[in-house]
Every structure is written in structure tokens, then in C-alpha cells.
Amino acid sequence: MEIIDPRFSYQDFLELAYARRKDRGEEEAPFIDILKDVFEDTTQPDEAANQLSSFVFSHDDFLSIYSEVLSTIVDAAHQLSEEDDLHKLANLVLELSRLEYVRNNSADTLHLSFKGKDYAIAPGQVIEVDHGKIWSDLPHFTTCFGQDMQGTLCSDLHTHLH
């Protein structure tokens, strides 16, 4: 994690987030685009939360994307300086926590690894890891926030589909 001036505007934060993705060779940044729309008031937090959930669960490796989303939200909370921007970010997190439970909609059992523990999510079962449902309980958010405050990288989510 880079040490940066904690007085970032949301524009500076987004510019850095886009640059990081580009450095990793990622052309598109849908999550950053959703966050930008929230900061610019073109998307309401409830709509953004639904878009974000759809984005996360459109990937086979959704727990890695989920972890990246949480890490980015925590980075933003740590680095943004404007109270209005922080308020918008808090509203987005609140709306994420209000989303319905996410279920394994496939016909196969989903095998996940989360913080060194393995989970088997049967078809139709709510996706729950570390005693928390993905959105309503936001598992890993507190850990990620604590790691950010200590200056360590938050990226210990992995998924394996079998």
C-alpha cells in the first residue's frame, strides 16, 4: 500500500484507482465507474449497491472481486477528506448491507476458501462465509478496515470453483 496524502478529493482518489487498474493491465473498471457515479450524484446509493452486487457476482472468482471492492471502499474511507464524499461512501456501504441474501444459483456445489477456511455452498444455499452473509453481514469488512488502519494490504480472499 502506498503512503499518500490523506486529504484526497474523490476525483484524485478515483484517478489513482483507475491508474492502478491500468497498471495491472485492466482496461475496464466497472466498480470504479459505479463509485464515481455515487460521488457525482448520478447514481443513488441503493441503485449503486445493486449494480455493485451484479458486478461482483458476474465473475466466477467473485470472492476476489468482493475483496477488491471492500478494499477499495476502505481505502476511500481512509483517504477521502471531504465530509460529503465520506457520507456518500457510508450510504453506499449501508445500502450494500441492506441487499438481500445471495444464493448459489448454480446446479453445482460452490467450494470457497475464505481466510484459510473452506466452505461448501450447496445449490440454492445462501452464500455465507466466516459466519457472515456476503452483503448483509459484510464479512471481512472489519478485518479489511483494521488492516488498512495498520497500513497492511487487505487481500486474503480466494475462491476455488470445483
Protein backbone atom coordinates (compact mmCIF):
# COMPACT_ATOMS: atom_id res chain seq x y z
CA MET A 1 0.00 0.00 0.00
CA GLU A 2 1.31 3.41 -0.94
CA ILE A 3 1.61 6.16 1.64
CA ILE A 4 -0.41 9.05 0.28
CA ASP A 5 -1.76 12.37 1.45
CA PRO A 6 -4.98 11.60 3.37
CA ARG A 7 -6.55 14.80 2.01
CA PHE A 8 -7.64 13.34 -1.32
CA SER A 9 -10.64 14.62 -3.18
CA TYR A 10 -12.83 11.92 -4.64
CA GLN A 11 -11.53 12.91 -8.10
CA ASP A 12 -7.92 12.32 -7.00
CA PHE A 13 -8.87 9.02 -5.37
CA LEU A 14 -10.68 7.80 -8.50
CA GLU A 15 -7.82 8.90 -10.74
CA LEU A 16 -5.41 6.85 -8.65
CA ALA A 17 -7.79 3.86 -8.63
CA TYR A 18 -8.10 3.99 -12.43
CA ALA A 19 -4.31 4.27 -12.77
CA ARG A 20 -3.76 1.22 -10.53
CA ARG A 21 -6.12 -0.87 -12.66
CA LYS A 22 -4.42 0.31 -15.84
CA ASP A 23 -1.01 -0.60 -14.36
CA ARG A 24 -2.36 -4.14 -13.83
CA GLY A 25 -3.44 -4.27 -17.47
CA GLU A 26 -7.15 -3.99 -16.73
CA GLU A 27 -8.84 -1.92 -19.40
CA GLU A 28 -12.23 -1.57 -17.76
CA ALA A 29 -13.03 -0.55 -14.20
CA PRO A 30 -16.78 -1.07 -13.66
CA PHE A 31 -16.58 -0.85 -9.88
CA ILE A 32 -14.64 2.41 -10.02
CA ASP A 33 -17.20 3.72 -12.53
CA ILE A 34 -20.01 2.85 -10.08
CA LEU A 35 -18.17 4.61 -7.26
CA LYS A 36 -17.64 7.65 -9.49
CA ASP A 37 -21.36 7.81 -10.23
CA VAL A 38 -22.12 7.76 -6.49
CA PHE A 39 -19.69 10.59 -5.79
CA GLU A 40 -21.08 12.62 -8.70
CA ASP A 41 -24.70 12.00 -7.65
CA THR A 42 -25.61 10.42 -10.99
CA THR A 43 -26.49 7.14 -9.23
CA GLN A 44 -28.20 6.81 -5.87
CA PRO A 45 -26.53 4.54 -3.27
CA ASP A 46 -29.29 1.88 -3.43
CA GLU A 47 -29.02 1.60 -7.21
CA ALA A 48 -25.21 1.59 -6.98
CA ALA A 49 -25.34 -1.22 -4.39
CA ASN A 50 -27.43 -3.34 -6.78
CA GLN A 51 -25.06 -2.57 -9.67
CA LEU A 52 -22.10 -3.43 -7.49
CA SER A 53 -23.60 -6.74 -6.39
CA SER A 54 -24.39 -7.64 -10.01
CA PHE A 55 -20.82 -6.76 -10.99
CA VAL A 56 -19.29 -8.84 -8.18
CA PHE A 57 -21.42 -11.92 -8.85
CA SER A 58 -20.94 -11.79 -12.61
CA HIS A 59 -17.42 -13.18 -12.08
CA ASP A 60 -16.52 -16.82 -11.42
CA ASP A 61 -13.91 -15.58 -8.93
CA PHE A 62 -16.42 -13.37 -7.15
CA LEU A 63 -14.80 -13.54 -3.71
CA SER A 64 -11.63 -11.97 -5.09
CA ILE A 65 -13.72 -9.23 -6.69
CA TYR A 66 -15.68 -8.87 -3.44
CA SER A 67 -12.41 -8.49 -1.54
CA GLU A 68 -11.17 -5.89 -4.03
CA VAL A 69 -14.43 -3.95 -3.68
CA LEU A 70 -14.19 -3.94 0.13
CA SER A 71 -10.53 -2.96 -0.02
CA THR A 72 -11.33 -0.06 -2.36
CA ILE A 73 -14.17 1.14 -0.13
CA VAL A 74 -11.90 1.01 2.93
CA ASP A 75 -9.14 2.83 1.02
CA ALA A 76 -11.63 5.53 0.08
CA ALA A 77 -12.85 5.87 3.68
CA HIS A 78 -9.26 6.21 4.83
CA GLN A 79 -8.11 8.64 2.14
CA LEU A 80 -11.03 10.94 1.36
CA SER A 81 -11.07 14.29 3.11
CA GLU A 82 -14.45 15.80 2.25
CA GLU A 83 -17.26 15.02 4.67
CA ASP A 84 -19.82 14.93 1.85
CA ASP A 85 -17.77 12.30 -0.02
CA LEU A 86 -17.45 10.19 3.13
CA HIS A 87 -21.19 10.50 3.70
CA LYS A 88 -21.87 9.19 0.17
CA LEU A 89 -19.46 6.32 0.73
CA ALA A 90 -21.13 5.46 4.06
CA ASN A 91 -24.55 5.47 2.37
CA LEU A 92 -23.24 3.05 -0.26
CA VAL A 93 -21.96 0.67 2.44
CA LEU A 94 -25.30 0.96 4.26
CA GLU A 95 -27.18 0.07 1.06
CA LEU A 96 -24.84 -2.87 0.45
CA SER A 97 -25.68 -4.19 3.92
CA ARG A 98 -29.39 -3.96 3.06
CA LEU A 99 -29.14 -6.18 -0.02
CA GLU A 100 -30.94 -9.49 0.04
CA TYR A 101 -29.01 -12.65 0.70
CA VAL A 102 -27.11 -14.00 -2.27
CA ARG A 103 -27.66 -17.66 -3.08
CA ASN A 104 -25.66 -20.17 -5.06
CA ASN A 105 -27.83 -20.17 -8.19
CA SER A 106 -25.80 -22.82 -9.97
CA ALA A 107 -26.62 -26.53 -10.08
CA ASP A 108 -23.21 -27.32 -8.56
CA THR A 109 -21.84 -27.03 -5.05
CA LEU A 110 -19.65 -23.95 -4.77
CA HIS A 111 -16.34 -24.56 -2.97
CA LEU A 112 -14.88 -21.41 -1.46
CA SER A 113 -11.83 -20.59 0.58
CA PHE A 114 -12.14 -17.57 2.85
CA LYS A 115 -9.46 -16.54 5.35
CA GLY A 116 -7.94 -20.04 5.35
CA LYS A 117 -11.26 -21.86 5.84
CA ASP A 118 -13.03 -23.92 3.20
CA TYR A 119 -16.77 -23.67 2.59
CA ALA A 120 -19.13 -25.79 0.51
CA ILE A 121 -22.19 -23.84 -0.62
CA ALA A 122 -24.87 -26.18 -1.96
CA PRO A 123 -27.15 -25.19 -4.82
CA GLY A 124 -29.80 -22.78 -3.55
CA GLN A 125 -27.95 -22.16 -0.28
CA VAL A 126 -27.25 -18.60 0.91
CA ILE A 127 -23.59 -17.72 0.39
CA GLU A 128 -22.22 -17.34 3.89
CA VAL A 129 -18.56 -17.24 4.87
CA ASP A 130 -16.88 -16.62 8.20
CA HIS A 131 -20.33 -16.65 9.86
CA GLY A 132 -21.50 -13.76 7.70
CA LYS A 133 -23.67 -13.40 4.65
CA ILE A 134 -21.88 -11.61 1.80
CA TRP A 135 -23.78 -8.32 1.82
CA SER A 136 -25.99 -8.21 4.90
CA ASP A 137 -23.14 -9.03 7.28
CA LEU A 138 -20.26 -7.74 5.11
CA PRO A 139 -17.82 -10.42 6.27
CA HIS A 140 -14.20 -9.31 6.11
CA PHE A 141 -15.09 -5.58 6.18
CA THR A 142 -13.94 -5.05 9.78
CA THR A 143 -10.74 -7.02 9.18
CA CYS A 144 -10.07 -5.09 6.00
CA PHE A 145 -10.69 -1.77 7.74
CA GLY A 146 -8.39 -2.74 10.62
CA GLN A 147 -5.65 -3.80 8.23
CA ASP A 148 -5.98 -0.52 6.36
CA MET A 149 -5.59 1.44 9.59
CA GLN A 150 -2.44 -0.57 10.31
CA GLY A 151 -1.12 0.04 6.78
CA THR A 152 -1.28 -3.57 5.58
CA LEU A 153 -2.83 -4.88 2.40
CA CYS A 154 -6.31 -6.36 2.56
CA SER A 155 -6.43 -9.22 0.07
CA ASP A 156 -6.76 -12.62 1.69
CA LEU A 157 -9.94 -13.80 -0.05
CA HIS A 158 -9.70 -16.60 -2.58
CA THR A 159 -12.23 -18.80 -4.28
CA HIS A 160 -11.92 -22.16 -5.93
CA LEU A 161 -14.78 -23.47 -8.04
CA HIS A 162 -14.92 -27.25 -8.26
